[in-house]
Protein backbone atom coordinates (compact mmCIF):
# COMPACT_ATOMS: atom_id res chain seq x y z
CA MET A 1 -22.93 -9.66 33.87
CA PRO A 2 -24.78 -10.60 30.62
CA LEU A 3 -25.63 -7.94 28.04
CA ASN A 4 -29.21 -9.15 27.67
CA ILE A 5 -30.13 -7.23 30.84
CA PHE A 6 -30.31 -4.15 28.60
CA GLY A 7 -33.17 -5.60 26.56
CA PHE A 8 -33.88 -6.41 22.91
CA GLN A 9 -34.12 -2.78 21.77
CA ALA A 10 -30.66 -1.91 23.06
CA LEU A 11 -29.11 -5.08 21.68
CA TRP A 12 -30.62 -5.21 18.20
CA SER A 13 -32.04 -1.74 17.38
CA PRO A 14 -35.21 -2.87 15.53
CA VAL A 15 -35.68 0.56 13.90
CA PHE A 16 -32.19 0.30 12.43
CA ILE A 17 -32.94 -3.21 11.16
CA VAL A 18 -35.97 -1.90 9.27
CA SER A 19 -33.98 1.08 7.95
CA THR A 20 -31.17 -1.07 6.55
CA LEU A 21 -33.64 -3.49 4.96
CA LEU A 22 -35.44 -0.58 3.28
CA ILE A 23 -32.12 0.72 1.94
CA LEU A 24 -31.31 -2.68 0.44
CA ILE A 25 -34.80 -3.01 -1.09
CA LEU A 26 -34.55 0.48 -2.59
CA TYR A 27 -31.05 -0.27 -3.95
CA PHE A 28 -32.13 -3.40 -5.81
CA LEU A 29 -35.37 -1.78 -6.92
CA ILE A 30 -33.44 1.03 -8.64
CA THR A 31 -30.50 -1.01 -9.94
CA VAL A 32 -32.47 -4.05 -11.13
CA LYS A 33 -36.25 -3.78 -11.16
CA ILE A 34 -36.75 -0.30 -12.65
CA ARG A 35 -33.26 0.31 -14.02
CA ASN A 36 -34.50 0.55 -17.63
CA ARG A 37 -36.45 3.69 -16.76
CA TYR A 38 -33.17 5.57 -16.40
CA LYS A 39 -31.26 6.72 -19.45
CA ASP A 40 -27.69 5.36 -19.85
CA SER A 41 -28.16 2.88 -16.99
CA GLU A 42 -26.10 -0.30 -16.95
CA ALA A 43 -26.73 -3.78 -15.58
CA LEU A 44 -25.76 -4.29 -11.97
CA THR A 45 -22.63 -6.41 -11.60
CA LEU A 46 -22.07 -9.07 -8.95
CA LYS A 47 -19.08 -7.10 -7.66
CA GLN A 48 -21.15 -3.95 -7.19
CA ALA A 49 -24.05 -5.76 -5.52
CA SER A 50 -21.71 -7.66 -3.20
CA ALA A 51 -19.85 -4.50 -2.15
CA PHE A 52 -23.08 -2.63 -1.38
CA VAL A 53 -24.70 -5.50 0.54
CA ILE A 54 -21.54 -6.07 2.60
CA ALA A 55 -21.36 -2.34 3.36
CA ILE A 56 -24.97 -2.16 4.58
CA VAL A 57 -24.78 -5.40 6.58
CA LEU A 58 -21.52 -4.19 8.14
CA LEU A 59 -23.12 -0.82 8.89
CA TYR A 60 -25.92 -2.56 10.77
CA ALA A 61 -23.49 -4.86 12.58
CA LEU A 62 -21.47 -1.85 13.76
CA LYS A 63 -24.28 0.56 14.67
CA GLY A 64 -27.33 -1.64 15.27
CA SER A 65 -26.15 -4.96 16.74
CA PRO A 66 -24.73 -5.69 20.23
CA VAL A 67 -21.40 -4.34 18.91
CA ASP A 68 -22.79 -0.82 19.31
CA LEU A 69 -23.83 -1.54 22.90
CA LEU A 70 -20.41 -3.03 23.65
CA SER A 71 -18.73 0.05 22.17
CA HIS A 72 -20.25 2.07 25.02
CA ILE A 73 -18.91 -0.41 27.56
CA MET A 74 -15.41 -1.14 26.21
CA PHE A 75 -13.19 1.46 24.53
CA SER A 76 -11.45 -1.29 22.52
CA VAL A 77 -14.77 -2.25 20.91
CA HIS A 78 -15.43 1.43 20.21
CA MET A 79 -12.16 1.61 18.26
CA VAL A 80 -13.02 -1.53 16.28
CA GLN A 81 -16.35 0.09 15.46
CA MET A 82 -14.70 3.35 14.38
CA ALA A 83 -12.02 1.66 12.30
CA LEU A 84 -14.45 -0.45 10.27
CA LEU A 85 -17.08 2.30 10.02
CA LEU A 86 -14.61 4.87 8.66
CA MET A 87 -12.11 2.75 6.75
CA LEU A 88 -14.10 -0.14 5.29
CA VAL A 89 -17.74 0.88 4.88
CA PRO A 90 -17.09 4.07 2.80
CA PRO A 91 -14.98 2.44 0.03
CA LEU A 92 -17.46 -0.44 -0.15
CA LEU A 93 -20.36 2.01 -0.56
CA ILE A 94 -18.54 3.99 -3.26
CA SER A 95 -17.72 0.78 -5.15
CA GLY A 96 -21.18 -0.71 -4.65
CA ILE A 97 -23.15 2.16 -6.17
CA PRO A 98 -23.08 1.83 -10.00
CA VAL A 99 -21.30 4.53 -12.00
CA TRP A 100 -24.49 5.56 -13.80
CA MET A 101 -26.15 6.28 -10.44
CA TRP A 102 -23.23 8.46 -9.40
CA GLN A 103 -23.52 10.26 -12.74
CA LYS A 104 -27.21 10.94 -12.09
CA LEU A 105 -26.32 12.28 -8.66
CA PHE A 106 -23.55 14.48 -10.03
CA SER A 107 -25.88 15.94 -12.64
CA LYS A 108 -27.12 18.09 -9.74
CA ILE A 109 -24.69 21.00 -9.78
CA PHE A 110 -25.04 21.57 -6.02
CA ILE A 111 -23.92 18.02 -5.19
CA ARG A 112 -21.15 18.15 -7.79
CA LYS A 113 -19.74 21.36 -6.31
CA ILE A 114 -19.86 19.97 -2.75
CA PHE A 115 -17.95 16.84 -3.76
CA ARG A 116 -15.38 18.73 -5.82
CA PHE A 117 -14.71 21.09 -2.91
CA PHE A 118 -14.49 18.55 -0.09
CA THR A 119 -12.71 15.78 -2.04
CA ARG A 120 -9.64 17.79 -2.98
CA PRO A 121 -6.91 15.32 -1.92
CA ILE A 122 -4.90 17.36 0.59
CA PHE A 123 -8.01 19.04 1.97
CA SER A 124 -9.89 15.76 2.47
CA LEU A 125 -6.86 14.19 4.20
CA ILE A 126 -6.53 17.08 6.64
CA VAL A 127 -10.27 17.37 7.36
CA PHE A 128 -10.77 13.66 8.06
CA SER A 129 -7.63 13.32 10.18
CA GLY A 130 -8.49 16.51 12.06
CA LEU A 131 -12.06 15.41 12.80
CA PHE A 132 -10.88 11.96 13.92
CA SER A 133 -8.16 13.36 16.21
CA PHE A 134 -10.43 16.13 17.52
CA TYR A 135 -13.09 13.55 18.43
CA HIS A 136 -10.66 11.59 20.60
CA VAL A 137 -9.53 14.56 22.69
CA PRO A 138 -10.80 13.41 26.15
CA VAL A 139 -12.90 16.46 27.08
CA ILE A 140 -14.52 16.55 23.63
CA PHE A 141 -15.02 12.78 23.51
CA ASP A 142 -16.75 12.72 26.91
CA PHE A 143 -18.94 15.70 26.03
CA ILE A 144 -20.09 14.21 22.70
CA LYS A 145 -20.63 10.76 24.20
CA GLN A 146 -23.03 12.18 26.79
CA ASN A 147 -25.22 14.10 24.35
CA GLU A 148 -27.30 12.17 21.82
CA SER A 149 -27.74 15.05 19.37
CA TYR A 150 -24.06 15.99 19.29
CA HIS A 151 -23.02 12.34 19.08
CA THR A 152 -25.32 11.64 16.14
CA LEU A 153 -24.28 14.82 14.32
CA TYR A 154 -20.54 14.35 14.86
CA THR A 155 -20.64 10.68 13.87
CA LEU A 156 -22.50 11.59 10.68
CA ILE A 157 -20.03 14.37 9.82
CA LEU A 158 -17.09 12.07 10.50
CA PHE A 159 -18.61 9.35 8.29
CA ILE A 160 -19.25 11.81 5.45
CA SER A 161 -15.66 13.07 5.75
CA ALA A 162 -14.52 9.43 5.40
CA ILE A 163 -16.51 9.14 2.15
CA PHE A 164 -14.82 12.33 0.92
CA LEU A 165 -11.46 10.85 1.95
CA TRP A 166 -11.96 7.67 -0.06
CA TRP A 167 -13.67 9.28 -3.06
CA PRO A 168 -10.54 10.52 -4.96
CA ILE A 169 -9.06 7.03 -5.15
CA MET A 170 -12.20 4.87 -5.40
CA HIS A 171 -14.64 6.55 -7.80
CA LYS A 172 -14.88 5.60 -11.49
CA LEU A 173 -16.34 8.82 -12.93
CA SER A 174 -14.24 10.00 -15.86
CA SER A 175 -15.65 13.51 -15.53
CA GLU A 176 -14.49 13.99 -11.93
CA PRO A 177 -10.99 14.73 -10.55
CA GLN A 178 -9.15 11.66 -9.32
CA VAL A 179 -5.80 10.72 -7.83
CA HIS A 180 -4.03 8.63 -10.46
CA GLY A 181 -1.36 5.95 -10.60
CA LEU A 182 1.26 5.76 -7.89
CA SER A 183 0.03 9.06 -6.41
CA LYS A 184 -2.72 6.95 -4.82
CA ILE A 185 -0.06 5.17 -2.77
CA GLY A 186 1.22 8.47 -1.42
CA TYR A 187 -2.35 9.49 -0.61
CA ILE A 188 -2.99 6.32 1.41
CA ILE A 189 0.34 6.57 3.24
CA GLY A 190 -0.42 10.22 4.04
CA SER A 191 -3.76 9.25 5.56
CA ALA A 192 -2.10 6.55 7.69
CA ILE A 193 0.52 8.99 8.97
CA LEU A 194 -1.93 11.77 9.86
CA ILE A 195 -4.06 9.71 12.26
CA THR A 196 -1.07 7.96 13.86
CA PRO A 197 -0.45 10.65 16.55
CA ALA A 198 -3.98 10.29 17.94
CA CYS A 199 -3.60 6.51 18.11
CA ALA A 200 -0.12 6.80 19.64
CA ILE A 201 -1.38 9.06 22.45
CA ILE A 202 -4.12 6.54 23.25
CA ILE A 203 -1.74 3.57 23.11
CA PHE A 204 1.00 5.07 25.30
CA ALA A 205 -1.19 6.87 27.86
CA SER A 206 -0.43 5.53 31.34
CA GLU A 207 -3.75 6.68 32.81
CA PRO A 208 -7.38 6.32 31.68
CA MET A 209 -8.28 9.26 29.42
CA TYR A 210 -12.07 9.03 29.13
CA GLU A 211 -14.61 9.50 31.94
CA THR A 212 -17.31 7.72 29.94
CA TYR A 213 -15.38 4.47 30.47
CA THR A 214 -14.28 5.09 34.06
CA SER A 215 -16.83 7.29 35.86
CA GLY A 216 -20.08 5.54 36.73
CA GLU A 217 -22.15 8.70 36.37
CA ALA A 218 -20.63 9.69 33.00
CA TRP A 219 -20.92 6.11 31.75
CA MET A 220 -24.61 5.86 32.65
CA LYS A 221 -25.25 9.13 30.79
CA ALA A 222 -23.37 7.82 27.74
CA MET A 223 -25.35 4.58 27.81
CA GLU A 224 -28.50 6.59 27.12
CA LEU A 225 -27.29 6.75 23.51
CA CYS A 226 -28.31 3.14 22.98
CA VAL A 227 -30.34 2.04 26.04
CA PRO A 228 -33.79 3.41 26.98
CA VAL A 229 -33.61 5.68 30.04
CA SER A 230 -36.32 3.65 31.80
CA THR A 231 -34.23 0.49 31.46
CA LEU A 232 -31.14 2.22 32.85
CA THR A 233 -33.15 3.58 35.78
CA ASN A 234 -34.36 0.10 36.68
CA LEU A 235 -30.87 -1.38 36.33
CA SER A 236 -29.35 1.40 38.42
CA SER A 237 -31.65 0.49 41.30
CA LEU A 238 -30.39 -3.09 41.00
CA GLY A 239 -26.78 -2.06 41.50
CA LEU A 240 -25.52 -1.37 37.96
CA SER A 241 -22.59 0.95 38.55
CA GLY A 242 -20.19 1.02 35.59
CA PRO A 243 -18.51 -0.74 32.65
CA GLU A 244 -16.20 -2.71 34.95
CA MET A 245 -19.14 -5.05 35.61
CA PHE A 246 -18.93 -6.32 32.00
CA SER A 247 -15.18 -6.55 31.37
CA SER A 248 -12.19 -8.06 33.10
CA LEU A 249 -9.81 -5.56 31.45
CA SER A 250 -8.66 -2.53 33.41
CA PRO A 251 -9.57 0.86 31.86
CA VAL A 252 -5.92 1.49 30.89
CA ASP A 253 -5.48 -1.95 29.28
CA ASP A 254 -8.78 -1.57 27.44
CA GLN A 255 -7.76 1.89 26.24
CA GLN A 256 -4.34 0.76 25.03
CA LEU A 257 -5.84 -2.29 23.34
CA GLY A 258 -8.27 0.01 21.52
CA GLY A 259 -5.47 2.16 20.12
CA ILE A 260 -3.53 -0.92 18.99
CA ILE A 261 -6.58 -2.49 17.35
CA MET A 262 -7.33 0.76 15.52
CA LYS A 263 -3.85 0.87 14.01
CA ILE A 264 -3.85 -2.83 13.11
CA ILE A 265 -7.21 -2.63 11.32
CA GLN A 266 -6.14 0.55 9.55
CA GLU A 267 -2.86 -1.00 8.40
CA VAL A 268 -4.57 -4.17 7.16
CA ILE A 269 -7.23 -2.26 5.19
CA TYR A 270 -4.73 0.23 3.80
CA GLY A 271 -2.35 -2.61 2.95
CA VAL A 272 -5.03 -4.38 0.91
CA VAL A 273 -5.93 -1.12 -0.85
CA LEU A 274 -2.26 -0.39 -1.58
CA ALA A 275 -1.83 -3.87 -3.09
CA MET A 276 -4.91 -3.36 -5.28
CA ILE A 277 -3.64 0.05 -6.42
CA PHE A 278 -0.18 -1.31 -7.22
CA PHE A 279 -1.45 -4.25 -9.26
CA GLU A 280 -3.93 -2.00 -11.06
CA TRP A 281 -1.07 0.34 -11.97
CA TYR A 282 1.16 -2.58 -12.99
CA LYS A 283 -1.56 -4.06 -15.20
CA SER A 284 -2.17 -0.68 -16.83
CA GLU A 285 1.53 -0.22 -17.52
CA LYS A 286 1.80 -3.75 -18.94
CA ASP A 287 -1.27 -3.43 -21.16
CA ASN A 288 -0.10 -0.08 -22.53
CA ALA A 289 3.61 -0.86 -22.68
CA GLU A 290 3.90 -0.26 -26.44
CA GLU A 291 2.07 3.06 -26.28
CA ILE A 292 4.21 4.21 -23.35
CA THR A 293 7.42 3.19 -25.15
CA ASN A 294 6.44 5.03 -28.34
CA LYS A 295 5.58 8.15 -26.39
CA ALA A 296 8.93 8.00 -24.59
CA LEU A 297 10.75 7.66 -27.93
CA LEU A 298 8.86 10.59 -29.42
CA ASP A 299 9.64 12.71 -26.38
CA ARG A 300 13.29 11.72 -26.64
CA GLN A 301 13.44 12.58 -30.35
CA ALA A 302 11.77 15.94 -29.69
CA TYR A 303 14.28 16.66 -26.92
CA LEU A 304 17.26 15.80 -29.18
CA ALA A 305 15.87 17.86 -32.03
CA ASN A 306 15.59 20.93 -29.83
CA LYS A 307 18.95 20.43 -28.13
């Protein structure tokens, strides 16, 4: 059955289109048009602009395009949505916002204290992994999926926790705590390990875990998150019964595929980030080789002198 039966609003979220366009207009207005009004501002780089635009376009594609509708029909699409929303959009946003804008934001002591508290490395790892795993507990997942307010709130909290997760290794503020050097690699590996159990349970489950993808009544309630109730009522009278009408995959196969896709996307993104961190560390070591050697010699001489 074609997705267009749900209508233009459900497929393309016109309000979300306008919202993302306004965000992009505001971004370029501040970073280009009126940048000179801000003290210590710097010219926007192509890298920053590209990262921010990609992040916002990706955000719309995941939460405003037919992908969002499909995520309520197929669990595997839901996991693609979650993986990209939590593991790709946040680092792109952090990189896309110029340093001077972050500095202006952190001049507000309230915001600075919130970030410093929630971006402590071990704490941010545990909070994000806990929220992600907690969300995919079947009874909690089904409850949140069938309540628009709870779904919106939990998704927002989970997304903010992902920003806090990425902040210690992505930000460029010299005044703020940061994970340095090869410690970043341990941080990334730790994040990958902590969400593996949740993915493993989903992958190796032999039975469908979520009613919102198997029960017609629960699924129809969950579809209210992205489809007008009046549209669903009309479609229900025409025989719309459940997600099986839109997919040839069985619920178990779809569920297992979702867990696998989540891990693959995570590993690819983390692998790219690890490579970037390693080469950044290698370049730093190479560029400062003489300084590092001299420091090592001085430390050695001091050690021998005190021996």
